[in-house]
Amino acid sequence: MAGTEIKETQNYNAVEDRERRVPADCAGLRFDQALARMFPEHSRSRLAAWVKQGRVKLDHDAVDAKCKVWGGERVSLALEPEARDAAAEAEAIELDIVHEDAALLVLDKPAGLVVHPGSGNRQGTLLNGLLYHRPPLAGIPRAGIVHRLDKDTSGLLVVAKTLEAQTDLVRQLQARTVARQYLALVHGVVARDGSVDAPIGRHRTQRTRMAVTELGREARTHYRVLERYARATLLECSLDTGRTHQIRVHLQSIGHPLVGDPVYRAGRRVGAGPTVGLLASFKRQALHACRLGLVHPASGVRMQWEAPIPQDMRELLRVIAA
């Protein structure tokens, strides 16, 4: 059985060639402009990168993106896994798949699972698990992952199973039509619903952290009060943008950092008492991606999924409400 799995993975890692003729209505266009019309399933940036890498050829030759085409030329596109992802190993990591079809899968990521391999996390990531459970994803950049959740944030993630679906989902994210709601338990009693509209960028001195800064990128978070407790509030947050650590940074900036957040909590005095002790002992940021909505890239139908609040957050809420 193991031998069969290895053989299949090798097949999925092989180069796939796609060949098309330049249509007459592209005559006079630059090569990169013609490619965008001929391969709309791929983003312009991806196609441009492939041209630079020599993976897109015109009549069997590598050419510059500015080269003119006149119609009838043969364009060949060699698709292969990105070197970084091809090197990732498939691992038998348990995945909670909420929905799956030919174009995408939606999963409920547990807290503690890193999404993508990086420095210090080459193994044991969601990407490694995806390659094991769905070997064809080796042929998709980043194994089809189009957005991320922090390691200790739980909840819903969508993964594209085809290049076409990945391009479509990335475009939806860029157009801000993907609906994402989160449950967040924060320190302190939040008086009313509200929004935080403040740019986020790298912290000036602590480069692993993000911060509200005038030099940052536009970021907007909306929050709604679901439940108030003695020293904490349960919020539902929705995002207009998807900046790194956005909810964590924005809520800290208004004086209500996430319970359990080891990074964005400095300087807050939470008082004393048993409830404070329970909140302080929570082992990860109390943030859960509970709802995800998007337009299906193949059918065009609007779809939505929900993930129940995980056991650790549910138990904490039960205790502090008592």
Protein backbone atom coordinates (compact mmCIF):
# COMPACT_ATOMS: atom_id res chain seq x y z
CA MET A 1 0.00 0.00 0.00
CA ALA A 2 2.81 2.41 0.86
CA GLY A 3 4.42 1.78 -2.51
CA THR A 4 1.18 2.69 -4.29
CA GLU A 5 0.92 5.98 -2.36
CA ILE A 6 4.50 6.93 -3.27
CA LYS A 7 3.88 6.19 -6.95
CA GLU A 8 0.72 8.31 -7.00
CA THR A 9 2.46 11.23 -5.31
CA GLN A 10 5.27 11.10 -7.86
CA ASN A 11 2.71 11.24 -10.69
CA TYR A 12 1.06 14.27 -9.19
CA ASN A 13 4.41 16.01 -8.89
CA ALA A 14 5.15 15.51 -12.59
CA VAL A 15 5.08 18.41 -15.05
CA GLU A 16 1.75 18.88 -16.85
CA ASP A 17 1.77 20.54 -20.28
CA ARG A 18 -1.07 22.68 -21.61
CA GLU A 19 -0.98 23.84 -25.22
CA ARG A 20 -3.18 26.37 -27.02
CA ARG A 21 -3.07 28.41 -30.21
CA VAL A 22 -3.02 32.21 -30.03
CA PRO A 23 -6.48 33.29 -31.27
CA ALA A 24 -6.84 35.83 -34.06
CA ASP A 25 -8.39 38.44 -31.74
CA CYS A 26 -5.09 38.59 -29.81
CA ALA A 27 -3.11 39.73 -32.88
CA GLY A 28 -0.91 42.71 -32.05
CA LEU A 29 -1.02 42.19 -28.28
CA ARG A 30 1.99 41.69 -26.04
CA PHE A 31 2.66 38.09 -25.08
CA ASP A 32 1.65 38.67 -21.45
CA GLN A 33 -1.61 40.38 -22.51
CA ALA A 34 -2.46 37.50 -24.82
CA LEU A 35 -1.71 34.99 -22.07
CA ALA A 36 -4.14 36.74 -19.72
CA ARG A 37 -6.89 36.26 -22.31
CA MET A 38 -5.93 32.72 -23.21
CA PHE A 39 -5.53 31.44 -19.65
CA PRO A 40 -8.07 33.42 -17.57
CA GLU A 41 -8.02 30.63 -14.98
CA HIS A 42 -4.59 31.91 -13.88
CA SER A 43 -3.79 35.28 -12.36
CA ARG A 44 -1.68 37.78 -14.29
CA SER A 45 1.00 37.70 -11.60
CA ARG A 46 1.23 33.91 -11.78
CA LEU A 47 1.49 33.96 -15.57
CA ALA A 48 4.16 36.69 -15.43
CA ALA A 49 6.20 34.63 -12.99
CA TRP A 50 5.94 31.56 -15.23
CA VAL A 51 7.10 33.59 -18.25
CA LYS A 52 10.18 34.74 -16.31
CA GLN A 53 10.89 31.15 -15.28
CA GLY A 54 10.70 29.99 -18.90
CA ARG A 55 7.72 27.75 -18.22
CA VAL A 56 5.59 29.45 -20.91
CA LYS A 57 6.84 29.10 -24.48
CA LEU A 58 5.82 30.59 -27.80
CA ASP A 59 6.34 28.17 -30.70
CA HIS A 60 8.58 26.14 -28.37
CA ASP A 61 10.80 29.12 -27.46
CA ALA A 62 11.04 31.10 -24.24
CA VAL A 63 10.27 34.74 -25.05
CA ASP A 64 10.00 38.08 -23.28
CA ALA A 65 6.61 39.15 -21.91
CA LYS A 66 6.67 42.20 -24.20
CA CYS A 67 7.02 40.15 -27.38
CA LYS A 68 4.17 40.73 -29.85
CA VAL A 69 1.93 37.90 -31.05
CA TRP A 70 0.03 37.80 -34.34
CA GLY A 71 -2.32 34.84 -34.03
CA GLY A 72 -1.83 31.15 -34.75
CA GLU A 73 1.33 30.74 -32.68
CA ARG A 74 1.52 27.70 -30.41
CA VAL A 75 1.68 28.52 -26.68
CA SER A 76 2.79 25.76 -24.32
CA LEU A 77 2.43 26.12 -20.57
CA ALA A 78 4.35 23.72 -18.33
CA LEU A 79 2.65 23.39 -14.95
CA GLU A 80 4.64 21.97 -12.09
CA PRO A 81 4.60 22.30 -8.30
CA GLU A 82 6.47 25.23 -6.82
CA ALA A 83 9.86 24.01 -5.63
CA ARG A 84 9.10 25.03 -2.05
CA ASP A 85 5.87 23.01 -1.97
CA ALA A 86 7.23 20.05 -3.96
CA ALA A 87 9.81 19.58 -1.21
CA ALA A 88 7.12 19.34 1.48
CA GLU A 89 6.47 15.84 2.76
CA ALA A 90 3.02 14.29 3.00
CA GLU A 91 2.09 13.47 6.60
CA ALA A 92 -0.82 11.56 8.11
CA ILE A 93 -2.34 14.49 10.03
CA GLU A 94 -6.00 14.25 10.98
CA LEU A 95 -8.16 16.80 9.14
CA ASP A 96 -11.74 17.78 9.97
CA ILE A 97 -13.21 18.26 6.49
CA VAL A 98 -16.55 20.10 6.58
CA HIS A 99 -17.24 20.09 2.83
CA GLU A 100 -15.54 18.76 -0.28
CA ASP A 101 -16.28 18.66 -4.01
CA ALA A 102 -14.25 18.64 -7.22
CA ALA A 103 -13.24 22.32 -6.93
CA LEU A 104 -12.62 22.96 -3.24
CA LEU A 105 -12.64 21.66 0.27
CA VAL A 106 -13.49 23.46 3.50
CA LEU A 107 -12.00 22.29 6.77
CA ASP A 108 -12.20 23.16 10.44
CA LYS A 109 -8.61 23.76 11.57
CA PRO A 110 -7.82 22.96 15.20
CA ALA A 111 -5.86 25.35 17.37
CA GLY A 112 -2.16 24.50 17.41
CA LEU A 113 -1.90 23.50 13.75
CA VAL A 114 0.41 25.66 11.61
CA VAL A 115 -1.07 26.26 8.14
CA HIS A 116 2.04 26.45 5.95
CA PRO A 117 5.66 25.25 6.42
CA GLY A 118 8.08 27.98 7.42
CA SER A 119 11.16 28.60 9.49
CA GLY A 120 11.06 26.14 12.37
CA ASN A 121 7.87 24.47 11.04
CA ARG A 122 8.89 22.29 8.09
CA GLN A 123 6.70 19.41 9.20
CA GLY A 124 3.41 18.88 11.00
CA THR A 125 1.56 21.62 9.11
CA LEU A 126 -1.81 21.72 7.42
CA LEU A 127 -0.07 21.68 4.04
CA ASN A 128 1.71 18.44 4.94
CA GLY A 129 -1.61 16.92 5.95
CA LEU A 130 -3.33 18.05 2.75
CA LEU A 131 -0.62 16.41 0.63
CA TYR A 132 -1.22 13.12 2.45
CA HIS A 133 -5.01 13.11 2.27
CA ARG A 134 -5.30 14.61 -1.23
CA PRO A 135 -2.08 13.86 -3.21
CA PRO A 136 -3.23 15.76 -6.35
CA LEU A 137 -2.85 19.00 -4.36
CA ALA A 138 0.90 18.63 -4.92
CA GLY A 139 0.23 20.12 -8.35
CA ILE A 140 -1.37 23.29 -6.93
CA PRO A 141 0.74 26.15 -5.49
CA ARG A 142 0.67 26.05 -1.68
CA ALA A 143 -1.38 22.84 -1.97
CA GLY A 144 -4.42 24.98 -2.77
CA ILE A 145 -4.28 27.10 0.38
CA VAL A 146 -5.60 30.58 -0.41
CA HIS A 147 -5.79 32.17 3.05
CA ARG A 148 -4.46 31.42 6.50
CA LEU A 149 -5.32 31.30 10.16
CA ASP A 150 -2.76 31.86 12.89
CA LYS A 151 -1.41 28.70 14.51
CA ASP A 152 -3.52 29.08 17.65
CA THR A 153 -6.68 30.31 15.92
CA SER A 154 -9.21 27.58 15.19
CA GLY A 155 -11.89 27.41 12.54
CA LEU A 156 -12.80 27.40 8.88
CA LEU A 157 -10.38 27.48 5.95
CA VAL A 158 -11.05 26.95 2.25
CA VAL A 159 -8.61 25.06 0.02
CA ALA A 160 -8.75 25.06 -3.79
CA LYS A 161 -8.39 21.71 -5.54
CA THR A 162 -7.70 23.13 -9.01
CA LEU A 163 -5.67 26.04 -10.36
CA GLU A 164 -8.84 27.55 -11.75
CA ALA A 165 -10.57 27.42 -8.37
CA GLN A 166 -7.51 28.85 -6.62
CA THR A 167 -7.36 31.83 -8.98
CA ASP A 168 -11.09 32.46 -8.56
CA LEU A 169 -10.93 32.30 -4.76
CA VAL A 170 -7.92 34.61 -4.61
CA ARG A 171 -9.81 37.10 -6.76
CA GLN A 172 -12.80 36.88 -4.41
CA LEU A 173 -10.53 37.59 -1.46
CA GLN A 174 -9.04 40.57 -3.28
CA ALA A 175 -12.54 41.84 -4.13
CA ARG A 176 -13.51 41.40 -0.45
CA THR A 177 -16.54 39.27 -1.29
CA VAL A 178 -15.50 36.35 0.95
CA ALA A 179 -17.46 36.64 4.21
CA ARG A 180 -15.51 35.65 7.32
CA GLN A 181 -16.88 35.82 10.85
CA TYR A 182 -14.99 35.03 14.04
CA LEU A 183 -15.88 34.48 17.68
CA ALA A 184 -13.50 36.39 19.95
CA LEU A 185 -13.41 36.41 23.74
CA VAL A 186 -11.75 39.61 24.92
CA HIS A 187 -10.67 41.07 28.24
CA GLY A 188 -12.94 43.73 29.72
CA VAL A 189 -16.57 44.64 29.18
CA VAL A 190 -17.20 46.06 25.70
CA ALA A 191 -19.91 48.70 25.94
CA ARG A 192 -21.35 48.55 22.42
CA ASP A 193 -20.96 47.26 18.89
CA GLY A 194 -18.40 49.05 16.77
CA SER A 195 -15.69 49.05 14.13
CA VAL A 196 -11.94 49.61 14.04
CA ASP A 197 -10.67 51.32 10.91
CA ALA A 198 -6.91 51.61 11.38
CA PRO A 199 -3.96 50.67 9.13
CA ILE A 200 -1.80 47.71 10.14
CA GLY A 201 1.88 47.17 9.42
CA ARG A 202 5.02 45.69 10.95
CA HIS A 203 5.93 46.87 14.43
CA ARG A 204 8.82 49.34 14.21
CA THR A 205 11.13 47.45 16.58
CA GLN A 206 9.59 43.98 17.05
CA ARG A 207 9.48 42.61 13.53
CA THR A 208 7.52 39.47 14.37
CA ARG A 209 4.63 41.62 15.59
CA MET A 210 2.11 43.76 13.77
CA ALA A 211 0.82 47.12 14.96
CA VAL A 212 -1.54 49.94 14.12
CA THR A 213 0.66 52.39 12.21
CA GLU A 214 0.15 55.24 9.76
CA LEU A 215 2.52 53.51 7.35
CA GLY A 216 0.52 50.29 7.39
CA ARG A 217 -2.04 48.91 4.96
CA GLU A 218 -5.75 49.65 5.16
CA ALA A 219 -7.50 47.41 7.68
CA ARG A 220 -11.08 47.37 8.93
CA THR A 221 -12.71 45.11 11.53
CA HIS A 222 -16.35 45.18 12.67
CA TYR A 223 -17.42 43.70 16.00
CA ARG A 224 -20.74 42.90 17.63
CA VAL A 225 -21.35 42.10 21.29
CA LEU A 226 -22.80 38.62 21.79
CA GLU A 227 -22.40 38.20 25.56
CA ARG A 228 -20.97 40.20 28.45
CA TYR A 229 -19.36 38.54 31.47
CA ALA A 230 -17.90 39.98 34.68
CA ARG A 231 -14.47 40.68 33.17
CA ALA A 232 -14.76 39.59 29.54
CA THR A 233 -16.94 39.96 26.45
CA LEU A 234 -17.74 37.52 23.67
CA LEU A 235 -17.68 39.29 20.30
CA GLU A 236 -18.53 38.33 16.75
CA CYS A 237 -15.99 39.94 14.41
CA SER A 238 -16.15 40.33 10.65
CA LEU A 239 -13.39 41.48 8.33
CA ASP A 240 -13.40 43.85 5.39
CA THR A 241 -9.68 43.17 4.92
CA GLY A 242 -7.36 40.29 5.76
CA ARG A 243 -4.20 41.66 7.32
CA THR A 244 -1.84 39.54 9.39
CA HIS A 245 -3.07 39.35 13.02
CA GLN A 246 -5.80 41.88 12.14
CA ILE A 247 -8.39 41.03 14.80
CA ARG A 248 -5.74 40.58 17.47
CA VAL A 249 -4.10 43.93 16.73
CA HIS A 250 -7.32 45.89 16.32
CA LEU A 251 -8.94 44.64 19.50
CA GLN A 252 -5.79 45.33 21.50
CA SER A 253 -5.72 48.83 20.05
CA ILE A 254 -9.11 49.63 21.62
CA GLY A 255 -8.12 48.22 25.01
CA HIS A 256 -9.74 44.78 24.69
CA PRO A 257 -7.03 42.23 23.83
CA LEU A 258 -7.99 38.65 23.18
CA VAL A 259 -8.06 36.31 26.15
CA GLY A 260 -5.04 34.03 26.01
CA ASP A 261 -3.14 36.03 23.39
CA PRO A 262 0.58 35.67 24.27
CA VAL A 263 1.66 38.54 22.00
CA TYR A 264 -0.96 41.28 21.96
CA ARG A 265 -1.78 41.66 25.63
CA ALA A 266 1.07 43.67 27.15
CA GLY A 267 0.15 46.52 29.43
CA ARG A 268 -3.43 45.52 30.22
CA ARG A 269 -4.40 45.32 33.88
CA VAL A 270 -7.19 42.80 34.29
CA GLY A 271 -7.60 42.96 38.07
CA ALA A 272 -7.83 40.00 40.45
CA GLY A 273 -10.20 37.20 41.37
CA PRO A 274 -11.05 33.66 40.23
CA THR A 275 -12.47 34.75 36.88
CA VAL A 276 -9.30 36.68 36.13
CA GLY A 277 -7.27 33.58 36.95
CA LEU A 278 -9.32 31.47 34.54
CA LEU A 279 -8.91 34.01 31.77
CA ALA A 280 -5.17 34.34 32.39
CA SER A 281 -4.66 30.57 32.29
CA PHE A 282 -6.28 30.01 28.89
CA LYS A 283 -3.60 28.44 26.67
CA ARG A 284 -4.15 30.20 23.33
CA GLN A 285 -5.83 33.27 21.87
CA ALA A 286 -9.58 32.80 22.20
CA LEU A 287 -10.35 33.28 18.51
CA HIS A 288 -12.39 30.96 16.30
CA ALA A 289 -13.30 31.36 12.61
CA CYS A 290 -16.92 30.28 12.96
CA ARG A 291 -18.45 31.18 9.58
CA LEU A 292 -17.22 31.29 5.98
CA GLY A 293 -19.17 32.38 2.90
CA LEU A 294 -18.11 32.60 -0.74
CA VAL A 295 -19.23 32.08 -4.32
CA HIS A 296 -18.45 28.56 -5.48
CA PRO A 297 -15.77 28.91 -8.19
CA ALA A 298 -17.34 26.29 -10.45
CA SER A 299 -21.10 26.62 -9.97
CA GLY A 300 -21.31 30.34 -9.17
CA VAL A 301 -23.64 29.56 -6.26
CA ARG A 302 -23.19 31.44 -2.99
CA MET A 303 -22.31 28.97 -0.21
CA GLN A 304 -21.76 29.26 3.53
CA TRP A 305 -20.37 26.96 6.21
CA GLU A 306 -20.28 27.13 10.01
CA ALA A 307 -17.99 25.51 12.56
CA PRO A 308 -19.13 25.06 16.18
CA ILE A 309 -17.13 26.72 18.90
CA PRO A 310 -14.33 24.35 19.98
CA GLN A 311 -14.36 22.51 23.29
CA ASP A 312 -11.71 24.63 25.05
CA MET A 313 -13.50 27.93 24.37
CA ARG A 314 -16.91 26.42 25.11
CA GLU A 315 -15.70 25.18 28.50
CA LEU A 316 -14.13 28.54 29.36
CA LEU A 317 -17.38 30.36 28.54
CA ARG A 318 -19.35 27.91 30.66
CA VAL A 319 -17.12 28.44 33.69
CA ILE A 320 -16.93 32.24 33.54
CA ALA A 321 -20.72 32.44 33.07
CA ALA A 322 -21.40 30.43 36.22
